[in-house]
N, C-alpha and C. Protein backbone atom coordinates (compact mmCIF):
# COMPACT_ATOMS: atom_id res chain seq x y z
N MET A 1 48.05 58.39 -32.76
CA MET A 1 47.76 57.24 -31.95
C MET A 1 47.69 56.02 -32.79
N PRO A 2 48.41 54.86 -32.37
CA PRO A 2 48.47 53.69 -33.15
C PRO A 2 47.00 53.17 -33.36
N GLU A 3 46.71 52.39 -34.42
CA GLU A 3 45.35 52.04 -34.74
C GLU A 3 44.85 51.13 -33.54
N ARG A 4 45.62 50.31 -33.06
CA ARG A 4 45.10 49.39 -32.01
C ARG A 4 44.71 50.20 -30.71
N HIS A 5 45.42 51.29 -30.48
CA HIS A 5 44.98 52.12 -29.45
C HIS A 5 43.74 52.88 -29.72
N ARG A 6 43.58 53.28 -30.87
CA ARG A 6 42.32 53.96 -31.27
C ARG A 6 41.15 53.06 -31.22
N SER A 7 41.34 51.77 -31.55
CA SER A 7 40.24 50.75 -31.43
C SER A 7 39.95 50.44 -29.99
N LEU A 8 40.97 50.42 -29.14
CA LEU A 8 40.76 50.13 -27.68
C LEU A 8 39.98 51.31 -27.14
N ARG A 9 40.41 52.55 -27.36
CA ARG A 9 39.76 53.76 -26.96
C ARG A 9 38.22 53.74 -27.27
N ALA A 10 37.98 53.29 -28.60
CA ALA A 10 36.59 53.28 -29.11
C ALA A 10 35.82 52.28 -28.34
N THR A 11 36.36 51.14 -27.98
CA THR A 11 35.66 50.25 -27.24
C THR A 11 35.29 50.72 -25.92
N PHE A 12 36.23 51.36 -25.20
CA PHE A 12 36.07 51.88 -23.84
C PHE A 12 34.93 53.01 -24.06
N ASP A 13 35.03 53.83 -25.04
CA ASP A 13 34.04 54.91 -25.11
C ASP A 13 32.66 54.37 -25.21
N HIS A 14 32.60 53.25 -25.98
CA HIS A 14 31.21 52.67 -26.15
C HIS A 14 30.65 52.05 -24.88
N SER A 15 31.60 51.45 -24.21
CA SER A 15 31.14 50.75 -22.77
C SER A 15 30.77 51.94 -21.87
N TRP A 16 31.56 53.05 -21.92
CA TRP A 16 31.34 54.19 -20.98
C TRP A 16 29.94 54.75 -21.25
N LYS A 17 29.51 54.88 -22.44
CA LYS A 17 28.32 55.48 -22.81
C LYS A 17 27.08 54.62 -22.35
N LEU A 18 27.29 53.35 -22.24
CA LEU A 18 26.26 52.40 -21.81
C LEU A 18 26.03 52.48 -20.33
N LEU A 19 26.95 53.16 -19.46
CA LEU A 19 26.85 53.16 -18.11
C LEU A 19 25.78 54.34 -17.74
N SER A 20 25.28 54.21 -16.53
CA SER A 20 24.47 55.21 -15.95
C SER A 20 25.37 56.34 -15.43
N ASP A 21 24.86 57.59 -15.28
CA ASP A 21 25.66 58.64 -14.76
C ASP A 21 26.31 58.21 -13.51
N HIS A 22 25.57 57.63 -12.58
CA HIS A 22 26.25 57.17 -11.23
C HIS A 22 27.27 56.19 -11.43
N GLU A 23 27.09 55.26 -12.35
CA GLU A 23 28.12 54.28 -12.57
C GLU A 23 29.45 54.94 -13.23
N ARG A 24 29.21 55.87 -14.06
CA ARG A 24 30.38 56.54 -14.58
C ARG A 24 31.02 57.36 -13.54
N ASP A 25 30.30 57.94 -12.54
CA ASP A 25 30.99 58.82 -11.65
C ASP A 25 31.72 57.81 -10.66
N VAL A 26 31.13 56.73 -10.19
CA VAL A 26 31.87 55.84 -9.31
C VAL A 26 33.16 55.32 -10.00
N LEU A 27 32.98 54.84 -11.22
CA LEU A 27 34.11 54.20 -11.96
C LEU A 27 35.22 55.18 -12.03
N ALA A 28 34.99 56.44 -12.35
CA ALA A 28 36.01 57.39 -12.43
C ALA A 28 36.66 57.70 -11.12
N ARG A 29 35.84 57.65 -10.06
CA ARG A 29 36.44 57.80 -8.72
C ARG A 29 37.31 56.68 -8.26
N LEU A 30 36.78 55.45 -8.70
CA LEU A 30 37.61 54.30 -8.29
C LEU A 30 39.03 54.28 -8.88
N SER A 31 39.33 55.13 -9.86
CA SER A 31 40.68 55.18 -10.43
C SER A 31 41.69 55.74 -9.49
N VAL A 32 41.28 56.32 -8.34
CA VAL A 32 42.35 56.88 -7.39
C VAL A 32 42.94 55.82 -6.63
N PHE A 33 42.41 54.56 -6.62
CA PHE A 33 42.91 53.42 -5.73
C PHE A 33 44.10 52.86 -6.59
N ARG A 34 44.89 52.47 -5.75
CA ARG A 34 46.33 51.82 -6.13
C ARG A 34 46.41 50.42 -5.54
N GLY A 35 46.48 49.34 -6.41
CA GLY A 35 46.57 48.02 -5.79
C GLY A 35 45.39 47.45 -5.25
N GLY A 36 44.23 47.89 -5.76
CA GLY A 36 42.98 47.29 -5.27
C GLY A 36 42.27 48.06 -4.13
N PHE A 37 41.08 47.58 -3.77
CA PHE A 37 40.29 48.30 -2.70
C PHE A 37 39.29 47.24 -2.27
N ASP A 38 38.75 47.42 -0.95
CA ASP A 38 37.61 46.59 -0.53
C ASP A 38 36.30 47.42 -0.55
N ARG A 39 35.36 46.71 -0.17
CA ARG A 39 33.97 47.29 -0.21
C ARG A 39 33.87 48.59 0.71
N ASN A 40 34.49 48.41 1.85
CA ASN A 40 34.32 49.54 2.78
C ASN A 40 35.11 50.87 2.30
N SER A 41 36.27 50.66 1.83
CA SER A 41 37.09 51.73 1.21
C SER A 41 36.43 52.35 -0.01
N ALA A 42 35.80 51.60 -0.85
CA ALA A 42 35.07 51.86 -2.12
C ALA A 42 33.91 52.74 -1.69
N GLU A 43 33.17 52.33 -0.61
CA GLU A 43 31.99 53.12 -0.26
C GLU A 43 32.41 54.47 0.36
N LYS A 44 33.45 54.41 1.19
CA LYS A 44 33.75 55.68 2.00
C LYS A 44 34.40 56.66 0.94
N VAL A 45 35.17 56.17 0.05
CA VAL A 45 35.89 57.18 -0.86
C VAL A 45 35.10 57.57 -2.05
N THR A 46 34.31 56.69 -2.62
CA THR A 46 33.61 56.92 -3.88
C THR A 46 32.06 56.91 -3.84
N GLY A 47 31.58 56.39 -2.60
CA GLY A 47 30.13 56.25 -2.57
C GLY A 47 29.52 54.96 -3.18
N ALA A 48 30.44 54.10 -3.59
CA ALA A 48 29.98 52.87 -4.33
C ALA A 48 29.22 51.92 -3.31
N THR A 49 28.14 51.55 -3.71
CA THR A 49 27.36 50.52 -2.99
C THR A 49 27.70 49.15 -3.53
N LEU A 50 27.31 48.16 -2.78
CA LEU A 50 27.51 46.83 -3.18
C LEU A 50 26.85 46.44 -4.49
N PRO A 51 25.58 46.81 -4.73
CA PRO A 51 24.84 46.54 -5.99
C PRO A 51 25.58 47.24 -7.14
N LEU A 52 26.14 48.46 -6.88
CA LEU A 52 26.87 49.09 -8.02
C LEU A 52 28.10 48.48 -8.30
N LEU A 53 28.84 48.06 -7.34
CA LEU A 53 30.08 47.40 -7.64
C LEU A 53 29.83 46.03 -8.39
N ALA A 54 28.71 45.37 -8.00
CA ALA A 54 28.31 44.18 -8.62
C ALA A 54 27.98 44.42 -10.09
N SER A 55 27.37 45.50 -10.38
CA SER A 55 27.07 45.91 -11.74
C SER A 55 28.29 46.08 -12.53
N LEU A 56 29.29 46.88 -11.95
CA LEU A 56 30.48 47.11 -12.67
C LEU A 56 31.36 45.76 -12.98
N VAL A 57 31.22 44.91 -11.95
CA VAL A 57 31.85 43.56 -12.20
C VAL A 57 31.20 42.85 -13.27
N SER A 58 29.89 42.84 -13.38
CA SER A 58 29.11 42.10 -14.39
C SER A 58 29.50 42.66 -15.75
N LYS A 59 29.88 43.89 -15.89
CA LYS A 59 30.19 44.54 -17.02
C LYS A 59 31.65 44.42 -17.46
N SER A 60 32.39 43.68 -16.59
CA SER A 60 33.83 43.53 -16.66
C SER A 60 34.68 44.77 -16.61
N LEU A 61 34.15 45.76 -15.90
CA LEU A 61 34.95 47.03 -15.80
C LEU A 61 35.67 47.06 -14.41
N VAL A 62 35.08 46.17 -13.43
CA VAL A 62 35.82 45.99 -12.15
C VAL A 62 36.07 44.55 -11.96
N HIS A 63 37.21 44.15 -11.52
CA HIS A 63 37.50 42.76 -11.30
C HIS A 63 37.40 42.49 -9.84
N GLN A 64 36.75 41.41 -9.41
CA GLN A 64 36.58 40.97 -8.06
C GLN A 64 37.76 39.90 -7.80
N ILE A 65 38.70 40.26 -7.02
CA ILE A 65 39.91 39.49 -6.73
C ILE A 65 39.43 38.28 -5.77
N GLU A 66 38.73 38.68 -4.77
CA GLU A 66 38.14 37.65 -3.80
C GLU A 66 37.08 38.38 -3.08
N LYS A 67 36.33 37.63 -2.34
CA LYS A 67 35.13 38.19 -1.72
C LYS A 67 35.41 39.48 -0.99
N GLY A 68 34.79 40.53 -1.42
CA GLY A 68 34.83 41.79 -0.79
C GLY A 68 36.10 42.64 -1.19
N HIS A 69 36.85 42.05 -2.19
CA HIS A 69 38.04 42.83 -2.55
C HIS A 69 38.07 42.92 -4.12
N TYR A 70 38.41 44.19 -4.59
CA TYR A 70 38.26 44.44 -5.96
C TYR A 70 39.50 45.14 -6.57
N ASP A 71 39.61 45.17 -7.89
CA ASP A 71 40.68 45.93 -8.60
C ASP A 71 40.26 46.36 -9.94
N LEU A 72 40.96 47.30 -10.55
CA LEU A 72 40.59 47.76 -11.87
C LEU A 72 41.97 47.35 -12.77
N HIS A 73 41.70 46.82 -13.96
CA HIS A 73 42.73 46.61 -14.88
C HIS A 73 43.42 47.98 -15.10
N GLU A 74 44.72 48.01 -15.20
CA GLU A 74 45.48 49.24 -15.30
C GLU A 74 44.99 50.04 -16.49
N VAL A 75 44.72 49.47 -17.54
CA VAL A 75 44.22 50.18 -18.79
C VAL A 75 42.84 50.86 -18.53
N ILE A 76 41.95 50.16 -17.86
CA ILE A 76 40.71 50.67 -17.47
C ILE A 76 40.89 51.73 -16.44
N ARG A 77 41.76 51.52 -15.48
CA ARG A 77 42.06 52.63 -14.50
C ARG A 77 42.51 53.89 -15.17
N GLN A 78 43.32 53.77 -16.07
CA GLN A 78 43.87 54.95 -16.75
C GLN A 78 42.77 55.78 -17.52
N TYR A 79 41.88 54.87 -18.22
CA TYR A 79 40.84 55.47 -19.00
C TYR A 79 39.84 56.14 -18.00
N ALA A 80 39.54 55.47 -16.86
CA ALA A 80 38.56 56.18 -15.88
C ALA A 80 39.17 57.43 -15.27
N ALA A 81 40.51 57.31 -15.09
CA ALA A 81 41.24 58.52 -14.39
C ALA A 81 41.15 59.64 -15.39
N SER A 82 41.23 59.37 -16.77
CA SER A 82 41.09 60.45 -17.65
C SER A 82 39.85 61.24 -17.62
N HIS A 83 38.76 60.51 -17.20
CA HIS A 83 37.46 61.14 -17.04
C HIS A 83 37.35 61.90 -15.73
N LEU A 84 38.04 61.32 -14.74
CA LEU A 84 38.03 61.97 -13.38
C LEU A 84 38.82 63.35 -13.50
N ASP A 85 39.88 63.34 -14.33
CA ASP A 85 40.77 64.57 -14.47
C ASP A 85 39.91 65.70 -15.16
N GLU A 86 38.85 65.32 -15.84
CA GLU A 86 38.05 66.35 -16.54
C GLU A 86 37.42 67.26 -15.56
N ASP A 87 37.08 66.83 -14.38
CA ASP A 87 36.46 67.62 -13.34
C ASP A 87 37.49 67.79 -12.15
N GLN A 88 38.15 68.88 -12.07
CA GLN A 88 39.23 69.12 -11.07
C GLN A 88 38.68 69.09 -9.65
N ALA A 89 37.49 69.69 -9.47
CA ALA A 89 36.90 69.68 -8.18
C ALA A 89 36.54 68.29 -7.69
N ARG A 90 35.96 67.49 -8.59
CA ARG A 90 35.64 66.09 -8.19
C ARG A 90 36.90 65.28 -7.92
N CYS A 91 37.95 65.51 -8.78
CA CYS A 91 39.20 64.84 -8.64
C CYS A 91 39.80 65.12 -7.28
N PHE A 92 39.91 66.46 -7.01
CA PHE A 92 40.47 66.88 -5.74
C PHE A 92 39.66 66.20 -4.49
N GLU A 93 38.43 66.33 -4.59
CA GLU A 93 37.55 65.78 -3.51
C GLU A 93 37.80 64.26 -3.25
N THR A 94 37.86 63.54 -4.34
CA THR A 94 38.05 62.14 -4.33
C THR A 94 39.39 61.73 -3.72
N CYS A 95 40.50 62.35 -4.28
CA CYS A 95 41.88 62.11 -3.76
C CYS A 95 41.92 62.55 -2.35
N ASP A 96 41.25 63.58 -1.90
CA ASP A 96 41.31 63.99 -0.53
C ASP A 96 40.69 62.93 0.35
N ARG A 97 39.56 62.47 -0.05
CA ARG A 97 38.86 61.41 0.74
C ARG A 97 39.70 60.11 0.80
N HIS A 98 40.39 59.71 -0.29
CA HIS A 98 41.25 58.64 -0.33
C HIS A 98 42.43 58.77 0.63
N SER A 99 42.98 59.92 0.64
CA SER A 99 44.10 60.16 1.57
C SER A 99 43.68 60.12 3.00
N GLU A 100 42.56 60.77 3.30
CA GLU A 100 42.07 60.77 4.74
C GLU A 100 41.72 59.39 5.13
N TYR A 101 41.11 58.62 4.22
CA TYR A 101 40.74 57.21 4.59
C TYR A 101 41.92 56.33 4.92
N TYR A 102 42.91 56.40 4.22
CA TYR A 102 44.11 55.61 4.40
C TYR A 102 44.99 56.07 5.53
N LEU A 103 45.15 57.46 5.58
CA LEU A 103 45.95 57.92 6.82
C LEU A 103 45.27 57.51 8.12
N ASP A 104 43.89 57.53 8.07
CA ASP A 104 43.16 57.27 9.38
C ASP A 104 43.38 55.69 9.44
N PHE A 105 43.31 54.95 8.51
CA PHE A 105 43.44 53.44 8.57
C PHE A 105 44.91 53.16 9.22
N ALA A 106 45.87 53.88 8.76
CA ALA A 106 47.22 53.64 9.28
C ALA A 106 47.35 53.97 10.78
N SER A 107 46.72 55.16 11.15
CA SER A 107 46.74 55.62 12.55
C SER A 107 46.16 54.62 13.49
N GLN A 108 45.30 53.70 13.01
CA GLN A 108 44.74 52.71 13.95
C GLN A 108 45.62 51.49 14.18
N TYR A 109 46.75 51.45 13.55
CA TYR A 109 47.57 50.22 13.64
C TYR A 109 48.84 50.37 14.46
N GLN A 110 48.94 51.53 15.20
CA GLN A 110 50.22 51.77 16.03
C GLN A 110 50.24 50.64 17.03
N GLN A 111 49.18 50.41 17.82
CA GLN A 111 49.29 49.39 18.92
C GLN A 111 49.27 47.97 18.40
N LYS A 112 48.59 47.71 17.23
CA LYS A 112 48.63 46.45 16.68
C LYS A 112 49.95 46.03 16.21
N LEU A 113 50.75 46.99 15.71
CA LEU A 113 52.14 46.67 15.34
C LEU A 113 53.07 46.34 16.39
N LYS A 114 52.64 46.65 17.69
CA LYS A 114 53.47 46.41 18.85
C LYS A 114 52.92 45.30 19.72
N SER A 115 51.81 44.72 19.19
CA SER A 115 51.16 43.61 20.04
C SER A 115 51.47 42.26 19.41
N ALA A 116 50.74 41.21 20.08
CA ALA A 116 50.86 39.84 19.58
C ALA A 116 50.27 39.66 18.16
N SER A 117 49.41 40.52 17.79
CA SER A 117 48.77 40.47 16.43
C SER A 117 49.57 41.28 15.41
N GLN A 118 50.88 41.43 15.71
CA GLN A 118 51.76 42.23 14.77
C GLN A 118 51.76 41.65 13.43
N GLN A 119 51.95 40.28 13.26
CA GLN A 119 52.02 39.65 11.88
C GLN A 119 50.72 39.91 11.05
N ALA A 120 49.59 39.70 11.75
CA ALA A 120 48.35 39.95 11.00
C ALA A 120 48.19 41.49 10.58
N ALA A 121 48.60 42.35 11.47
CA ALA A 121 48.58 43.81 11.11
C ALA A 121 49.60 44.12 10.03
N MET A 122 50.67 43.47 9.96
CA MET A 122 51.56 43.65 8.82
C MET A 122 50.99 43.25 7.45
N ARG A 123 50.39 42.19 7.52
CA ARG A 123 49.72 41.59 6.33
C ARG A 123 48.66 42.52 5.83
N GLU A 124 47.83 43.03 6.79
CA GLU A 124 46.76 43.95 6.35
C GLU A 124 47.32 45.26 5.78
N MET A 125 48.43 45.84 6.42
CA MET A 125 49.04 47.06 5.91
C MET A 125 49.65 46.85 4.61
N THR A 126 50.38 45.68 4.51
CA THR A 126 51.12 45.39 3.22
C THR A 126 50.03 45.33 2.07
N ALA A 127 48.91 44.72 2.33
CA ALA A 127 47.91 44.63 1.28
C ALA A 127 47.48 45.92 0.81
N LYS A 128 47.59 46.99 1.64
CA LYS A 128 47.12 48.32 1.35
C LYS A 128 48.32 49.26 1.11
N LEU A 129 49.47 48.79 0.90
CA LEU A 129 50.74 49.62 0.81
C LEU A 129 50.71 50.58 -0.29
N ASP A 130 50.26 50.22 -1.48
CA ASP A 130 50.20 51.14 -2.59
C ASP A 130 49.26 52.37 -2.33
N ASN A 131 48.05 51.97 -1.64
CA ASN A 131 47.07 53.04 -1.33
C ASN A 131 47.72 53.99 -0.21
N LEU A 132 48.40 53.26 0.72
CA LEU A 132 49.00 54.09 1.82
C LEU A 132 50.12 55.03 1.23
N ARG A 133 50.90 54.58 0.29
CA ARG A 133 51.90 55.55 -0.32
C ARG A 133 51.17 56.61 -0.92
N ALA A 134 50.21 56.33 -1.79
CA ALA A 134 49.46 57.44 -2.47
C ALA A 134 48.88 58.45 -1.46
N ALA A 135 48.28 57.91 -0.35
CA ALA A 135 47.70 58.80 0.59
C ALA A 135 48.63 59.64 1.35
N TRP A 136 49.86 59.04 1.66
CA TRP A 136 50.95 59.82 2.18
C TRP A 136 51.44 60.88 1.32
N ASP A 137 51.62 60.58 0.05
CA ASP A 137 52.06 61.54 -0.91
C ASP A 137 51.14 62.63 -1.09
N TRP A 138 49.86 62.35 -1.23
CA TRP A 138 48.79 63.42 -1.24
C TRP A 138 48.83 64.31 -0.05
N GLY A 139 48.85 63.66 1.17
CA GLY A 139 48.79 64.27 2.42
C GLY A 139 49.98 65.42 2.55
N ILE A 140 51.16 64.96 2.15
CA ILE A 140 52.42 65.85 2.08
C ILE A 140 52.16 67.00 1.18
N LYS A 141 51.70 66.67 -0.02
CA LYS A 141 51.53 67.80 -0.99
C LYS A 141 50.47 68.82 -0.67
N HIS A 142 49.44 68.29 0.05
CA HIS A 142 48.40 69.25 0.59
C HIS A 142 48.39 69.55 1.94
N LYS A 143 49.50 69.34 2.63
CA LYS A 143 49.78 69.78 3.92
C LYS A 143 48.72 69.37 4.96
N LYS A 144 48.45 68.04 4.93
CA LYS A 144 47.42 67.46 5.82
C LYS A 144 48.17 67.07 7.11
N PHE A 145 48.73 67.97 7.83
CA PHE A 145 49.65 67.70 8.93
C PHE A 145 49.04 66.97 10.10
N ASP A 146 47.71 67.25 10.32
CA ASP A 146 47.10 66.56 11.53
C ASP A 146 46.87 65.06 11.20
N SER A 147 46.39 64.83 9.95
CA SER A 147 46.31 63.41 9.60
C SER A 147 47.65 62.67 9.52
N LEU A 148 48.62 63.27 8.92
CA LEU A 148 49.96 62.61 8.83
C LEU A 148 50.51 62.50 10.14
N GLY A 149 50.38 63.49 11.06
CA GLY A 149 50.99 63.31 12.33
C GLY A 149 50.34 62.19 13.12
N ARG A 150 49.08 61.85 12.96
CA ARG A 150 48.44 60.70 13.74
C ARG A 150 48.93 59.43 13.05
N ALA A 151 49.30 59.46 11.79
CA ALA A 151 49.66 58.24 11.09
C ALA A 151 51.08 57.84 11.12
N VAL A 152 51.96 58.80 11.42
CA VAL A 152 53.48 58.71 11.29
C VAL A 152 53.96 57.59 12.15
N ARG A 153 53.54 57.34 13.29
CA ARG A 153 54.10 56.33 14.19
C ARG A 153 53.86 54.95 13.60
N SER A 154 52.66 54.76 13.11
CA SER A 154 52.37 53.45 12.55
C SER A 154 53.14 53.27 11.29
N ILE A 155 53.36 54.29 10.45
CA ILE A 155 54.04 54.14 9.18
C ILE A 155 55.50 53.86 9.53
N GLY A 156 56.04 54.64 10.52
CA GLY A 156 57.34 54.31 10.90
C GLY A 156 57.63 52.88 11.38
N TRP A 157 56.75 52.45 12.24
CA TRP A 157 56.74 50.97 12.74
C TRP A 157 56.63 50.04 11.67
N TYR A 158 55.78 50.28 10.73
CA TYR A 158 55.55 49.34 9.54
C TYR A 158 56.89 49.16 8.82
N TYR A 159 57.55 50.27 8.54
CA TYR A 159 58.84 50.19 7.80
C TYR A 159 59.88 49.52 8.49
N GLU A 160 59.88 49.74 9.83
CA GLU A 160 60.79 49.13 10.69
C GLU A 160 60.65 47.60 10.75
N VAL A 161 59.46 47.09 11.05
CA VAL A 161 59.10 45.67 11.07
C VAL A 161 59.26 45.05 9.80
N SER A 162 58.88 45.65 8.68
CA SER A 162 59.04 45.04 7.38
C SER A 162 60.51 45.12 6.79
N SER A 163 61.41 45.78 7.55
CA SER A 163 62.80 45.85 7.16
C SER A 163 62.98 46.71 5.93
N MET A 164 61.86 47.43 5.49
CA MET A 164 62.07 48.47 4.38
C MET A 164 62.57 49.80 4.92
N ILE A 165 63.80 49.72 5.48
CA ILE A 165 64.35 50.85 6.19
C ILE A 165 64.68 52.05 5.26
N ARG A 166 65.19 51.82 4.17
CA ARG A 166 65.54 52.89 3.26
C ARG A 166 64.36 53.65 2.78
N GLU A 167 63.30 52.95 2.36
CA GLU A 167 62.09 53.64 1.84
C GLU A 167 61.43 54.37 3.07
N GLY A 168 61.46 53.73 4.20
CA GLY A 168 60.84 54.43 5.37
C GLY A 168 61.52 55.72 5.66
N ILE A 169 62.89 55.71 5.67
CA ILE A 169 63.65 56.97 5.94
C ILE A 169 63.33 58.05 4.89
N GLU A 170 63.19 57.52 3.63
CA GLU A 170 62.97 58.56 2.38
C GLU A 170 61.43 59.19 2.55
N GLN A 171 60.59 58.16 2.96
CA GLN A 171 59.16 58.73 3.07
C GLN A 171 59.04 59.75 4.16
N LEU A 172 59.73 59.45 5.32
CA LEU A 172 59.64 60.40 6.40
C LEU A 172 60.36 61.62 6.20
N GLU A 173 61.41 61.59 5.37
CA GLU A 173 62.13 62.82 5.17
C GLU A 173 61.26 63.79 4.22
N LEU A 174 60.44 63.18 3.30
CA LEU A 174 59.52 64.07 2.57
C LEU A 174 58.71 64.97 3.49
N LEU A 175 58.14 64.32 4.63
CA LEU A 175 57.35 65.01 5.51
C LEU A 175 58.21 65.97 6.37
N VAL A 176 59.36 65.56 6.77
CA VAL A 176 60.20 66.47 7.57
C VAL A 176 60.55 67.72 6.79
N SER A 177 60.93 67.55 5.50
CA SER A 177 61.22 68.70 4.64
C SER A 177 60.12 69.79 4.58
N VAL A 178 58.89 69.24 4.41
CA VAL A 178 57.83 70.08 4.26
C VAL A 178 57.47 70.83 5.65
N LEU A 179 57.50 70.00 6.69
CA LEU A 179 57.23 70.56 8.04
C LEU A 179 58.22 71.66 8.42
N LYS A 180 59.47 71.45 8.08
CA LYS A 180 60.48 72.46 8.39
C LYS A 180 60.29 73.78 7.64
N SER A 181 59.68 73.67 6.48
CA SER A 181 59.62 74.85 5.65
C SER A 181 58.20 75.65 6.08
N GLU A 182 57.49 75.12 7.06
CA GLU A 182 56.31 75.79 7.49
C GLU A 182 56.64 76.67 8.70
N ALA A 183 55.76 77.73 8.87
CA ALA A 183 55.92 78.57 10.17
C ALA A 183 55.58 77.68 11.33
N PRO A 184 56.31 77.51 12.33
CA PRO A 184 56.18 76.60 13.43
C PRO A 184 54.89 77.06 14.22
N ASP A 185 54.09 76.05 14.57
CA ASP A 185 52.95 76.21 15.48
C ASP A 185 52.89 74.81 16.27
N ALA A 186 51.88 74.71 17.07
CA ALA A 186 51.75 73.57 17.87
C ALA A 186 51.52 72.32 17.10
N GLN A 187 50.78 72.40 16.01
CA GLN A 187 50.37 71.18 15.17
C GLN A 187 51.62 70.79 14.43
N THR A 188 52.30 71.74 13.77
CA THR A 188 53.50 71.29 12.89
C THR A 188 54.66 70.83 13.90
N ASN A 189 54.75 71.45 14.94
CA ASN A 189 55.87 71.02 15.92
C ASN A 189 55.60 69.54 16.49
N LYS A 190 54.36 69.32 16.68
CA LYS A 190 54.01 68.02 17.16
C LYS A 190 54.27 66.92 16.06
N ALA A 191 53.86 67.23 14.92
CA ALA A 191 54.06 66.32 13.82
C ALA A 191 55.55 66.14 13.45
N LEU A 192 56.26 67.27 13.46
CA LEU A 192 57.75 67.13 13.21
C LEU A 192 58.40 66.41 14.20
N GLY A 193 58.02 66.58 15.45
CA GLY A 193 58.71 65.82 16.55
C GLY A 193 58.54 64.33 16.40
N ALA A 194 57.28 63.89 16.13
CA ALA A 194 56.91 62.44 15.93
C ALA A 194 57.63 61.88 14.78
N THR A 195 57.71 62.74 13.70
CA THR A 195 58.38 62.25 12.45
C THR A 195 59.78 62.06 12.66
N LEU A 196 60.54 62.98 13.31
CA LEU A 196 61.93 62.82 13.55
C LEU A 196 62.36 61.70 14.43
N VAL A 197 61.43 61.38 15.43
CA VAL A 197 61.68 60.27 16.24
C VAL A 197 61.53 58.96 15.46
N GLN A 198 60.56 58.79 14.63
CA GLN A 198 60.44 57.60 13.84
C GLN A 198 61.58 57.45 12.83
N GLN A 199 61.99 58.64 12.20
CA GLN A 199 63.02 58.57 11.21
C GLN A 199 64.39 58.20 11.94
N GLY A 200 64.48 58.75 13.22
CA GLY A 200 65.79 58.42 13.99
C GLY A 200 65.83 56.95 14.33
N LEU A 201 64.74 56.35 14.63
CA LEU A 201 64.64 54.95 14.90
C LEU A 201 65.07 54.13 13.78
N LEU A 202 64.63 54.52 12.56
CA LEU A 202 64.90 53.83 11.35
C LEU A 202 66.45 53.98 11.02
């Protein structure tokens, strides 16, 4: 490892040791977010309270982008992720919460994307797009077909309205491929039907 990387790691190690156990736990869990997060998502996914987020901001480990919205510097995120990876059960639990949170978020936007508030809905989904992609990917890998099935119409509409047609087709194809490999039942058939409709529209 180059000297400058060793020095940076040593700095992070020192800062890490100064944190409380709860602060270390939350910071490690915050590394699952992509492209930032808000107070509500941080609390639901990691258990972070507002005072704890404020403490991490004061220590320059979390950056407050604007009121109620936060992000981690990529180097800090990678360092925190390395600690999260040390506990596979905690890592799985956190990624699972993250996926459920954002797939549920997406499922609530189906009607908004078809209404007069479409532009506002698009801005809100675009701000969370990196997290939505990560949640979609985790959901597919871990066969969360119920959550994916509820979110697929919103996801399809988002890609259509945003004109990101190719990415939309590719993302939906990932789900189609996995669903077709499963033994058919009511849940998978319902999710497959909804996914094929949205893919066909794109």
